[in-house]
Protein backbone atom coordinates (compact mmCIF):
# COMPACT_ATOMS: atom_id res chain seq x y z
CA MET A 1 106.05 127.70 69.25
CA SER A 2 104.57 124.33 69.36
CA THR A 3 101.59 123.53 66.94
CA LEU A 4 98.02 123.47 67.92
CA LEU A 5 96.88 119.83 67.18
CA SER A 6 93.65 119.35 65.75
CA ARG A 7 90.82 117.83 67.68
CA PRO A 8 90.93 114.59 65.51
CA ALA A 9 94.52 114.25 66.04
CA HIS A 10 94.11 114.35 69.99
CA LEU A 11 91.27 111.97 69.70
CA ARG A 12 93.59 109.57 67.66
CA ALA A 13 96.37 109.94 69.96
CA LEU A 14 94.25 109.50 73.15
CA LEU A 15 92.65 106.20 71.74
CA ALA A 16 96.06 104.76 70.39
CA LEU A 17 97.36 105.35 73.88
CA GLY A 18 94.05 104.41 75.86
CA LEU A 19 92.59 101.40 74.19
CA PRO A 20 95.58 99.05 74.95
CA LEU A 21 95.40 100.32 78.59
CA VAL A 22 91.34 99.67 78.70
CA GLY A 23 92.29 96.22 77.66
CA SER A 24 94.82 95.65 80.09
CA HIS A 25 92.55 96.69 83.07
CA VAL A 26 89.93 94.65 81.76
CA ALA A 27 92.24 91.49 81.66
CA GLN A 28 93.49 92.38 85.10
CA MET A 29 90.00 92.14 86.29
CA SER A 30 89.93 88.78 84.65
CA LEU A 31 92.54 87.16 86.82
CA HIS A 32 90.47 87.81 89.85
CA VAL A 33 87.28 86.41 87.98
CA VAL A 34 89.05 82.99 87.31
CA ASP A 35 90.41 82.82 90.92
CA THR A 36 86.80 83.07 92.07
CA ILE A 37 85.31 80.63 89.55
CA VAL A 38 87.92 77.89 90.44
CA MET A 39 87.55 78.35 94.34
CA GLY A 40 83.60 78.41 93.79
CA TRP A 41 84.39 74.70 92.38
CA TYR A 42 86.43 73.90 95.22
CA GLY A 43 84.42 74.94 98.35
CA VAL A 44 82.12 77.47 100.05
CA PRO A 45 84.35 78.28 102.99
CA GLU A 46 87.49 78.21 100.58
CA LEU A 47 85.80 80.86 98.07
CA ALA A 48 84.68 83.10 101.19
CA ALA A 49 88.16 83.06 102.45
CA VAL A 50 89.66 84.03 99.01
CA VAL A 51 87.06 86.65 98.51
CA LEU A 52 88.03 88.20 101.99
CA GLY A 53 91.64 87.82 101.62
CA THR A 54 91.56 89.39 98.15
CA SER A 55 89.67 92.21 99.42
CA PHE A 56 92.32 92.65 102.24
CA PHE A 57 95.24 92.50 99.80
CA PHE A 58 93.35 94.90 97.29
CA VAL A 59 92.93 97.74 100.08
CA ILE A 60 96.69 97.52 100.87
CA PHE A 61 97.66 97.49 97.49
CA VAL A 62 95.65 100.63 96.54
CA LEU A 63 97.48 102.63 99.22
CA GLY A 64 100.93 101.38 98.15
CA SER A 65 100.12 101.69 94.39
CA GLY A 66 100.05 105.56 94.75
CA PHE A 67 103.85 105.50 94.57
CA ALA A 68 103.70 103.52 91.30
CA GLN A 69 101.11 105.69 89.79
CA ALA A 70 103.10 108.89 90.41
CA VAL A 71 105.56 107.48 88.00
CA MET A 72 103.40 108.06 85.10
CA PRO A 73 102.89 111.80 85.26
CA MET A 74 106.41 112.34 86.59
CA VAL A 75 107.94 110.57 83.61
CA ALA A 76 105.54 112.12 81.34
CA GLN A 77 106.40 115.53 82.30
CA ALA A 78 110.10 114.79 82.03
CA LEU A 79 109.60 113.40 78.59
CA GLY A 80 107.87 116.72 77.64
CA ARG A 81 110.74 118.67 78.85
CA GLY A 82 113.46 116.31 77.09
CA ASP A 83 114.99 115.29 80.34
CA GLU A 84 115.89 111.80 80.10
CA THR A 85 117.80 111.88 83.30
CA GLU A 86 114.61 112.68 85.25
CA VAL A 87 112.94 109.86 83.60
CA ARG A 88 115.10 107.37 85.08
CA ARG A 89 115.08 108.95 88.41
CA ALA A 90 111.59 109.16 88.73
CA ALA A 91 111.07 105.28 87.55
CA ARG A 92 113.68 104.33 89.88
CA MET A 93 112.48 105.78 92.98
CA GLY A 94 108.95 104.69 92.52
CA MET A 95 110.10 101.32 92.26
CA TRP A 96 112.06 101.85 95.35
CA TRP A 97 109.11 102.85 97.19
CA SER A 98 107.24 99.89 95.77
CA ILE A 99 109.64 97.60 97.44
CA LEU A 100 109.83 99.51 100.78
CA PHE A 101 106.13 99.44 100.90
CA GLY A 102 105.77 95.80 100.25
CA ILE A 103 108.42 94.87 103.11
CA LEU A 104 106.74 97.33 105.61
CA CYS A 105 103.19 96.16 104.96
CA TYR A 106 104.01 92.21 105.00
CA PRO A 107 103.34 91.81 108.85
CA LEU A 108 99.73 92.92 108.15
CA PHE A 109 99.43 89.67 105.98
CA TRP A 110 101.22 87.36 108.42
CA TYR A 111 98.73 88.37 111.21
CA ALA A 112 95.67 88.65 108.76
CA ASP A 113 93.95 85.65 110.35
CA ARG A 114 94.06 87.58 113.88
CA LEU A 115 93.01 90.83 112.45
CA LEU A 116 90.04 89.26 110.70
CA LEU A 117 89.21 87.60 113.87
CA LEU A 118 88.97 90.86 115.54
CA ALA A 119 86.94 92.25 112.72
CA GLY A 120 84.36 89.52 113.40
CA GLN A 121 85.07 87.09 110.93
CA LYS A 122 84.28 83.43 111.27
CA PRO A 123 87.31 81.37 112.66
CA GLU A 124 87.34 78.89 109.80
CA VAL A 125 87.24 81.70 107.18
CA ALA A 126 89.62 83.80 109.04
CA ALA A 127 92.15 81.11 109.38
CA LEU A 128 91.62 79.95 105.40
CA ALA A 129 92.08 83.71 104.64
CA GLY A 130 95.14 83.86 106.71
CA ASP A 131 96.75 80.77 104.93
CA PHE A 132 95.70 82.62 101.71
CA LEU A 133 97.69 85.67 102.69
CA HIS A 134 100.62 84.46 104.03
CA ILE A 135 101.41 83.49 100.20
CA ALA A 136 99.70 86.40 98.71
CA GLY A 137 101.24 88.83 100.71
CA LEU A 138 104.64 88.03 99.24
CA GLY A 139 103.28 89.06 95.94
CA MET A 140 102.86 92.77 97.03
CA ILE A 141 106.34 93.72 96.07
CA PRO A 142 106.36 92.26 92.64
CA ALA A 143 102.46 93.54 92.14
CA LEU A 144 103.55 97.06 93.03
CA LEU A 145 106.67 96.70 91.01
CA VAL A 146 104.84 95.73 88.02
CA MET A 147 102.57 98.73 88.54
CA ALA A 148 105.51 101.03 88.60
CA LEU A 149 106.80 99.34 85.34
CA LYS A 150 103.41 99.80 83.57
CA SER A 151 103.31 103.43 84.49
CA TYR A 152 106.88 104.06 83.05
CA LEU A 153 105.95 102.12 79.90
CA ALA A 154 102.54 103.82 79.65
CA ALA A 155 104.28 107.44 79.96
CA LEU A 156 106.55 106.38 77.23
CA GLU A 157 103.56 105.21 75.00
CA ARG A 158 104.64 101.58 75.16
CA THR A 159 101.06 100.50 75.86
CA GLN A 160 100.93 97.41 73.70
CA VAL A 161 103.31 95.50 75.81
CA VAL A 162 101.38 96.21 78.87
CA LEU A 163 98.02 94.82 77.40
CA TRP A 164 99.61 91.74 75.76
CA VAL A 165 101.60 90.82 78.75
CA THR A 166 98.44 91.16 80.89
CA VAL A 167 96.43 89.06 78.64
CA ALA A 168 99.00 86.32 78.84
CA ALA A 169 99.15 86.37 82.31
CA VAL A 170 95.35 85.64 82.33
CA GLY A 171 95.90 82.62 80.38
CA VAL A 172 98.66 81.34 82.30
CA ASN A 173 96.80 81.76 85.56
CA ALA A 174 93.86 79.80 84.42
CA VAL A 175 96.40 76.94 83.56
CA LEU A 176 98.33 77.18 86.77
CA CYS A 177 95.49 77.85 89.37
CA TYR A 178 93.25 74.81 88.65
CA PRO A 179 95.86 72.15 89.09
CA LEU A 180 97.45 73.92 92.09
CA VAL A 181 94.14 74.27 93.99
CA PHE A 182 92.73 70.80 93.08
CA GLY A 183 95.97 68.75 92.97
CA ARG A 184 96.11 67.72 89.33
CA TRP A 185 98.72 66.68 86.93
CA GLY A 186 100.98 65.44 89.83
CA LEU A 187 100.79 68.55 91.85
CA PRO A 188 99.62 68.63 95.62
CA GLU A 189 96.25 69.55 96.51
CA LEU A 190 96.80 73.09 97.95
CA GLY A 191 93.29 74.53 98.22
CA VAL A 192 93.38 78.37 99.00
CA GLU A 193 97.22 78.36 99.09
CA GLY A 194 97.25 77.10 95.67
CA SER A 195 95.18 79.89 94.28
CA ALA A 196 97.72 82.21 96.28
CA LEU A 197 100.73 80.62 94.88
CA ALA A 198 99.20 80.68 91.25
CA THR A 199 98.80 84.47 91.72
CA LEU A 200 102.32 84.93 93.19
CA LEU A 201 103.92 83.18 90.29
CA ILE A 202 101.89 85.21 87.59
CA GLN A 203 102.95 88.28 89.32
CA ILE A 204 106.71 87.10 89.29
CA MET A 205 106.50 86.04 85.82
CA THR A 206 104.73 89.56 84.69
CA LEU A 207 107.54 91.46 86.58
CA VAL A 208 110.30 89.68 84.71
CA ILE A 209 108.79 89.98 81.42
CA LEU A 210 108.22 93.87 81.78
CA GLY A 211 111.51 94.26 83.49
CA LEU A 212 113.32 92.58 80.51
CA TYR A 213 111.32 94.64 78.10
CA ALA A 214 111.90 98.05 79.89
CA GLY A 215 115.73 97.33 80.28
CA LEU A 216 116.63 95.35 77.07
CA LEU A 217 114.56 97.01 74.39
CA PRO A 218 117.20 98.73 72.23
CA SER A 219 114.87 101.95 71.69
CA LEU A 220 114.56 102.28 75.62
CA ARG A 221 118.22 101.29 76.52
CA HIS A 222 119.33 104.85 76.57
CA PHE A 223 117.25 105.62 79.65
CA HIS A 224 119.41 103.14 81.46
CA LEU A 225 116.58 102.24 83.95
CA PHE A 226 118.32 99.55 85.97
CA GLN A 227 121.93 101.03 85.77
CA ARG A 228 123.13 101.39 89.43
CA PHE A 229 119.47 100.72 90.47
CA TRP A 230 120.95 100.20 94.20
CA ARG A 231 121.97 103.89 94.61
CA ALA A 232 119.64 106.08 96.66
CA ASP A 233 118.28 109.38 95.01
CA PRO A 234 116.74 111.08 98.33
CA HIS A 235 115.49 114.24 96.29
CA ALA A 236 113.64 112.14 93.85
CA LEU A 237 112.46 109.67 96.62
CA VAL A 238 110.94 112.60 98.31
CA ARG A 239 109.26 113.92 95.21
CA VAL A 240 107.81 110.50 94.22
CA PHE A 241 106.41 110.19 97.99
CA ARG A 242 104.82 113.67 97.87
CA LEU A 243 103.11 112.88 94.66
CA GLY A 244 102.38 109.18 95.18
CA MET A 245 101.03 109.46 98.65
CA PRO A 246 97.90 111.45 98.21
CA ILE A 247 97.29 109.21 95.09
CA GLY A 248 97.27 106.19 97.36
CA LEU A 249 95.16 108.15 99.88
CA THR A 250 92.69 109.01 97.24
CA GLY A 251 92.13 105.35 96.00
CA LEU A 252 91.90 104.24 99.68
CA ALA A 253 89.20 106.79 100.19
CA GLU A 254 87.40 105.54 97.07
CA ALA A 255 87.65 101.78 97.81
CA GLY A 256 86.59 102.63 101.41
CA LEU A 257 83.57 104.03 99.96
CA PHE A 258 82.58 101.05 98.03
CA GLN A 259 83.37 98.73 100.88
CA ALA A 260 80.94 100.71 103.26
CA ALA A 261 78.39 100.72 100.84
CA ALA A 262 78.30 96.96 100.50
CA LEU A 263 78.60 96.76 104.43
CA MET A 264 75.41 98.88 104.46
CA MET A 265 73.67 96.91 101.76
CA GLY A 266 74.34 93.95 103.93
CA TRP A 267 72.07 95.48 106.59
CA VAL A 268 69.37 95.97 104.31
CA GLY A 269 69.39 92.31 103.10
CA THR A 270 70.89 89.56 101.88
CA VAL A 271 68.95 89.63 98.37
CA GLU A 272 69.89 93.35 98.11
CA LEU A 273 73.49 92.67 98.89
CA ALA A 274 73.59 89.96 96.18
CA ALA A 275 71.82 92.29 93.57
CA HIS A 276 74.30 95.24 94.68
CA GLY A 277 77.22 92.93 94.01
CA ILE A 278 76.12 92.07 90.62
CA ALA A 279 75.44 95.76 89.73
CA MET A 280 78.68 96.87 91.02
CA GLN A 281 80.58 94.02 89.22
CA VAL A 282 78.88 95.29 85.83
CA THR A 283 79.84 99.04 86.51
CA ALA A 284 83.36 97.94 87.43
CA ILE A 285 83.73 96.39 84.13
CA GLY A 286 82.51 99.50 82.60
CA PHE A 287 84.80 101.64 84.73
CA MET A 288 87.96 100.00 83.52
CA VAL A 289 87.23 101.87 80.08
CA HIS A 290 87.39 105.36 81.94
CA VAL A 291 90.25 104.18 84.19
CA GLY A 292 92.35 103.49 80.76
CA LEU A 293 91.25 106.93 79.18
CA SER A 294 92.17 108.48 82.51
CA ASN A 295 95.85 106.91 82.33
CA ALA A 296 96.05 108.21 78.72
CA ALA A 297 94.92 111.68 79.86
CA THR A 298 97.73 111.63 82.41
CA VAL A 299 100.35 110.93 80.08
CA ARG A 300 99.04 113.57 77.39
CA THR A 301 98.65 116.27 79.91
CA GLY A 302 101.93 115.48 81.53
CA ARG A 303 103.82 115.62 78.23
CA PHE A 304 102.01 119.05 77.34
CA ALA A 305 102.72 120.34 80.90
CA GLY A 306 106.26 119.48 80.72
CA ALA A 307 106.71 121.40 77.45
CA GLY A 308 104.71 124.42 78.67
CA ASP A 309 102.16 123.83 75.94
CA TRP A 310 98.88 124.81 77.54
CA PRO A 311 96.79 125.11 74.57
CA ASN A 312 97.19 121.58 73.48
CA LEU A 313 96.81 120.62 77.12
CA ARG A 314 93.39 122.23 77.27
CA ARG A 315 92.36 120.87 73.94
CA GLY A 316 93.47 117.35 74.97
CA GLY A 317 91.64 117.64 78.18
CA VAL A 318 88.28 118.47 76.45
CA MET A 319 88.64 115.56 74.00
CA ALA A 320 89.57 113.02 76.82
CA ILE A 321 86.23 114.25 78.72
CA ALA A 322 84.24 114.11 75.45
CA ILE A 323 85.46 110.64 74.92
CA SER A 324 84.67 109.55 78.27
CA ALA A 325 81.02 111.26 77.99
CA VAL A 326 80.41 109.19 74.83
CA VAL A 327 81.28 106.01 76.24
CA GLY A 328 79.34 107.00 79.53
CA VAL A 329 76.12 107.70 77.26
CA LEU A 330 76.54 104.31 75.75
CA GLN A 331 76.75 102.71 78.84
CA MET A 332 73.63 104.42 80.38
CA VAL A 333 71.81 103.29 77.31
CA LEU A 334 72.70 99.52 77.88
CA TYR A 335 71.88 99.60 81.67
CA LEU A 336 68.48 101.29 80.94
CA THR A 337 67.38 99.07 77.91
CA LEU A 338 68.74 95.46 78.83
CA PRO A 339 68.78 95.43 82.87
CA GLU A 340 67.09 92.03 83.06
CA GLN A 341 69.30 90.48 80.46
CA ILE A 342 72.50 91.76 82.11
CA ILE A 343 71.68 90.71 85.93
CA GLY A 344 70.38 87.18 84.21
CA LEU A 345 73.91 86.59 83.25
CA PHE A 346 75.11 86.30 86.89
CA ILE A 347 72.20 84.20 88.57
CA ASP A 348 70.24 81.00 88.17
CA ARG A 349 66.95 81.93 87.07
CA SER A 350 65.48 78.74 88.59
CA SER A 351 66.61 79.73 92.02
CA VAL A 352 63.97 80.93 94.50
CA GLU A 353 65.77 84.32 94.98
CA ALA A 354 65.91 84.87 91.18
CA VAL A 355 62.91 87.05 90.73
CA HIS A 356 63.73 89.46 93.56
CA ILE A 357 67.57 89.85 92.85
CA LEU A 358 66.38 90.81 89.09
CA THR A 359 63.88 93.14 90.61
CA PHE A 360 66.39 94.88 92.73
CA GLY A 361 69.36 94.38 90.20
CA GLY A 362 67.19 96.23 87.54
CA LEU A 363 66.73 99.26 90.00
CA PHE A 364 70.23 99.39 90.89
CA LEU A 365 71.32 99.17 87.24
CA ALA A 366 68.89 102.13 86.54
CA LEU A 367 70.85 104.05 89.19
CA ALA A 368 73.98 102.87 87.90
CA ALA A 369 73.37 104.73 84.47
CA ALA A 370 73.78 108.06 86.57
CA PHE A 371 76.37 106.45 88.79
CA GLN A 372 78.66 105.50 85.70
CA MET A 373 78.76 109.04 84.35
CA MET A 374 79.71 110.62 87.50
CA ASP A 375 82.38 108.01 88.43
CA ALA A 376 83.84 108.61 84.99
CA GLY A 377 83.98 112.10 85.62
CA GLN A 378 85.76 111.95 88.65
CA VAL A 379 88.34 109.48 87.72
CA LEU A 380 89.05 111.47 84.36
CA ALA A 381 89.43 114.40 86.63
CA LEU A 382 91.95 112.85 88.78
CA GLY A 383 93.88 111.36 85.56
CA LEU A 384 94.19 115.28 84.20
CA LEU A 385 95.24 116.59 87.64
CA ARG A 386 97.71 113.98 88.07
CA GLY A 387 99.09 114.80 84.66
CA VAL A 388 100.05 118.24 85.86
CA GLN A 389 101.08 116.68 89.41
CA ASP A 390 98.40 118.09 91.32
CA THR A 391 97.34 115.41 93.91
CA ARG A 392 97.20 116.94 97.48
CA VAL A 393 93.92 118.97 96.98
CA PRO A 394 92.48 116.43 94.94
CA MET A 395 92.94 114.12 97.69
CA TRP A 396 91.15 116.33 100.08
CA LEU A 397 88.28 117.01 97.58
CA ALA A 398 87.77 113.32 96.87
CA ALA A 399 87.57 112.50 100.62
CA VAL A 400 85.26 114.97 101.44
CA SER A 401 83.01 114.23 98.68
CA TYR A 402 83.24 110.46 99.33
CA TRP A 403 82.96 110.47 103.14
CA GLY A 404 81.79 113.92 104.26
CA ILE A 405 78.79 113.81 101.62
CA GLY A 406 78.33 110.51 99.71
CA ILE A 407 78.47 108.14 102.82
CA PRO A 408 76.23 110.32 105.05
CA ALA A 409 73.82 110.89 102.13
CA ALA A 410 73.45 107.10 101.52
CA TRP A 411 73.07 106.23 105.40
CA ILE A 412 70.18 108.98 105.74
CA LEU A 413 68.46 108.05 102.43
CA ALA A 414 68.62 104.38 103.15
CA PHE A 415 67.56 104.27 106.84
CA PRO A 416 66.17 107.17 108.40
CA LEU A 417 64.12 108.16 105.07
CA GLY A 418 63.36 104.51 104.28
CA LEU A 419 64.50 104.07 100.73
CA ASN A 420 66.65 101.06 101.67
CA GLY A 421 69.17 99.88 98.95
CA VAL A 422 68.17 102.80 96.34
CA GLY A 423 68.75 105.04 99.00
CA LEU A 424 72.32 103.77 99.15
CA TRP A 425 72.98 103.86 95.75
CA ILE A 426 71.45 107.72 95.38
CA GLY A 427 73.82 108.45 98.15
CA LEU A 428 76.76 107.10 96.13
CA VAL A 429 75.56 108.89 93.09
CA ILE A 430 75.42 112.21 95.26
CA GLY A 431 79.25 111.64 96.56
CA LEU A 432 80.50 110.97 93.25
CA ALA A 433 78.83 113.85 91.35
CA CYS A 434 80.51 116.05 94.15
CA ALA A 435 83.67 114.70 93.49
CA ALA A 436 83.57 114.88 89.73
CA SER A 437 82.34 118.55 90.03
CA ALA A 438 85.05 119.56 92.45
CA LEU A 439 87.91 117.86 90.83
CA MET A 440 87.01 119.08 87.40
CA TRP A 441 86.74 122.62 88.54
CA ARG A 442 90.05 122.26 90.24
CA PHE A 443 91.54 121.15 87.01
CA TRP A 444 89.99 123.97 84.68
CA SER A 445 90.87 126.53 87.45
CA ARG A 446 94.67 125.84 87.70
CA VAL A 447 95.31 125.46 84.02
CA PRO A 448 96.53 128.49 82.26
CA LYS A 449 93.97 130.26 80.11
CA GLY A 450 95.93 132.49 77.71
CA PRO A 451 99.59 133.59 76.52
CA ALA A 452 100.02 136.10 79.48
CA GLU A 453 99.31 133.61 82.11
CA ASP A 454 101.16 130.90 80.38
CA LYS A 455 104.18 133.21 80.41
CA THR A 456 103.96 133.75 84.21
CA ARG A 457 103.42 130.03 85.11
CA GLU A 458 105.60 128.23 82.59
CA GLU A 459 108.75 127.90 84.63
CA ARG A 460 107.00 126.85 87.79
CA ALA A 461 105.12 124.22 85.94
CA ILE A 462 108.28 122.97 83.94
CA SER A 463 110.25 122.72 87.32
CA ALA A 464 107.65 120.94 89.40
CA GLY A 465 103.99 120.54 87.51
CA ILE A 466 101.17 122.72 88.52
CA SER A 467 101.15 121.61 92.18
CA SER A 468 98.91 121.89 94.87
CA THR A 469 100.66 124.08 97.26
């Protein structure tokens, strides 16, 4: 019989695991910030092309990353059961799917310029974005493999290395990007292709470092992660697909929600779109805290589920929600008390549009206070559910909340009811609130509540997690 850990013990474990993951997610965002700044210095069409190309890459990456993210709960549950063979099988097949997906999706990058023209983009920008994506698309395989290795190491609670490797990547990217774009230090001027090449080199470097760490660290060698890596494991391959595809589709639905919101905000007006983009950037940075906590919750929940330790699983879930809620409240206070100062960091206050952007940005940040709490709730619930390998029903709950409720509500409030940008943000809050409520209900309704229920569910949970079948 396992010992019920105290709440402070759960708190310490979650923070020890989650804080490095939070830092790595924030650092990952900084990579894109560096690229954007450098291209902003280089030229406006080039900046637009890289922003467009990065968005194109990200949407495809989100779908493929589901297989890499599936590694985390599968490895965590296997460790909870003490099954080292399953640890290796899950991680390997997660990497296999990452490679297969990267190969299959590359034609989208090769013909990206044509696809972007069909989507109504300007020919010059589409051509530059195509040049960017021809090179950047080669990075899909290493980027997904890095995600799989990060998931594997996080499940093993080796999150410090994930943090420091990501931070180092930011620094190296800053050194590589500038000379490759502008042609400094004897290098040719490559423009958008230089930005893509710098990103590709960083992805390969990160993959090599994490791969060497995972394969050669003495305390991890007994997992034999890369031994006979070429051997297929059909059973594990299918299980990774069944768990990972819903994760990828859920992420795609959420990414699509925000892309659709940006598109509709463009219908409202250019100034409103600029203010919307700033507010979204601010909330995205804050969201990384909750993503890191969600990852930590996945690992902790997976360990307890694998061991059939439902009391600790429930208490750990409560503590994860409590930490996220406290952070959310602090973020709400920040958005409500310092909106002008926050928005002012992103604009030139002497510009003609500055006053209007500050006004709209302040309104959007006030709504972002509620938005952030709802977004935190849904991503944490998804993390808890992934820990018990429940991804199919959550995928449908999220999709209906985002697209069946959130987007229609945003459109109705913004246009027929005339609330414009404010209406769009209220619609986003409604959609995220529905997702958070439904996903939290799903988790707590599926976790055994008492000893009798524990006994009847334990074998099923140990063999395959609390599935959505």
